Each structure stands twice: as structure tokens, then as C-alpha cells.
């Protein structure tokens, strides 16, 4: 049996933004990119 190497595909900040998007998706409410950053469960800085 070959041991599989676990790879981290998403950084913690990516996961935080995805959590915010998925939360609003439950209620079928579309959000903007700014709202996704604002409602992420951790501080996220907007990159240019």
C-alpha cells in the first residue's frame, strides 16, 4: 500500500472566504466579493 501525501490545496484565508460564501449560499443569497471578505470568520485583507 502506498502512503498518500496530504496536500493543502487551500490556505486558511481561502477557507475563511469560502465559509462566508457557503453560509450565504444556504439562504440562496448572493453576495459581492467585498461582502465575502467582510463576513469571513477571520480578518482578510483585500489584495489588488
Protein backbone atom coordinates (compact mmCIF):
# COMPACT_ATOMS: atom_id res chain seq x y z
CA UNK A 1 0.00 0.00 0.00
CA UNK A 2 1.36 3.40 -0.97
CA UNK A 3 1.02 6.13 1.65
CA UNK A 4 -0.74 9.15 0.15
CA UNK A 5 0.77 12.51 0.86
CA UNK A 6 -1.81 15.00 2.06
CA UNK A 7 -1.55 18.32 0.25
CA UNK A 8 -3.01 21.57 1.50
CA UNK A 9 -4.86 22.98 -1.51
CA UNK A 10 -6.38 25.99 0.19
CA UNK A 11 -4.79 28.43 2.60
CA UNK A 12 -6.63 29.37 5.79
CA UNK A 13 -7.66 32.73 4.34
CA UNK A 14 -9.14 30.96 1.30
CA UNK A 15 -11.11 28.66 3.57
CA UNK A 16 -12.42 31.63 5.56
CA UNK A 17 -13.75 33.34 2.44
CA UNK A 18 -15.30 30.09 1.22
CA UNK A 19 -17.04 29.65 4.58
CA UNK A 20 -18.64 33.08 4.23
CA UNK A 21 -19.79 32.32 0.69
CA UNK A 22 -21.19 28.92 1.67
CA UNK A 23 -23.06 30.40 4.62
CA UNK A 24 -24.91 32.87 2.41
CA UNK A 25 -25.47 30.18 -0.23
CA UNK A 26 -27.53 28.19 2.30
CA UNK A 27 -30.03 31.05 2.25
CA UNK A 28 -29.75 31.43 -1.54
CA UNK A 29 -28.45 34.98 -1.07
CA UNK A 30 -25.76 36.12 -3.50
CA UNK A 31 -23.00 38.27 -2.01
CA UNK A 32 -20.38 40.51 -3.54
CA UNK A 33 -16.62 39.99 -3.20
CA UNK A 34 -16.47 42.81 -0.65
CA UNK A 35 -19.17 41.16 1.46
CA UNK A 36 -17.36 37.81 1.30
CA UNK A 37 -14.25 39.48 2.71
CA UNK A 38 -16.22 41.41 5.33
CA UNK A 39 -18.13 38.36 6.62
CA UNK A 40 -15.21 35.92 6.58
CA UNK A 41 -14.65 34.42 10.05
CA UNK A 42 -11.10 35.84 10.19
CA UNK A 43 -9.56 39.16 9.18
CA UNK A 44 -8.90 39.22 5.45
CA UNK A 45 -7.09 41.98 3.61
CA UNK A 46 -8.20 42.84 0.11
CA UNK A 47 -5.39 42.32 -2.40
CA UNK A 48 -5.10 44.42 -5.55
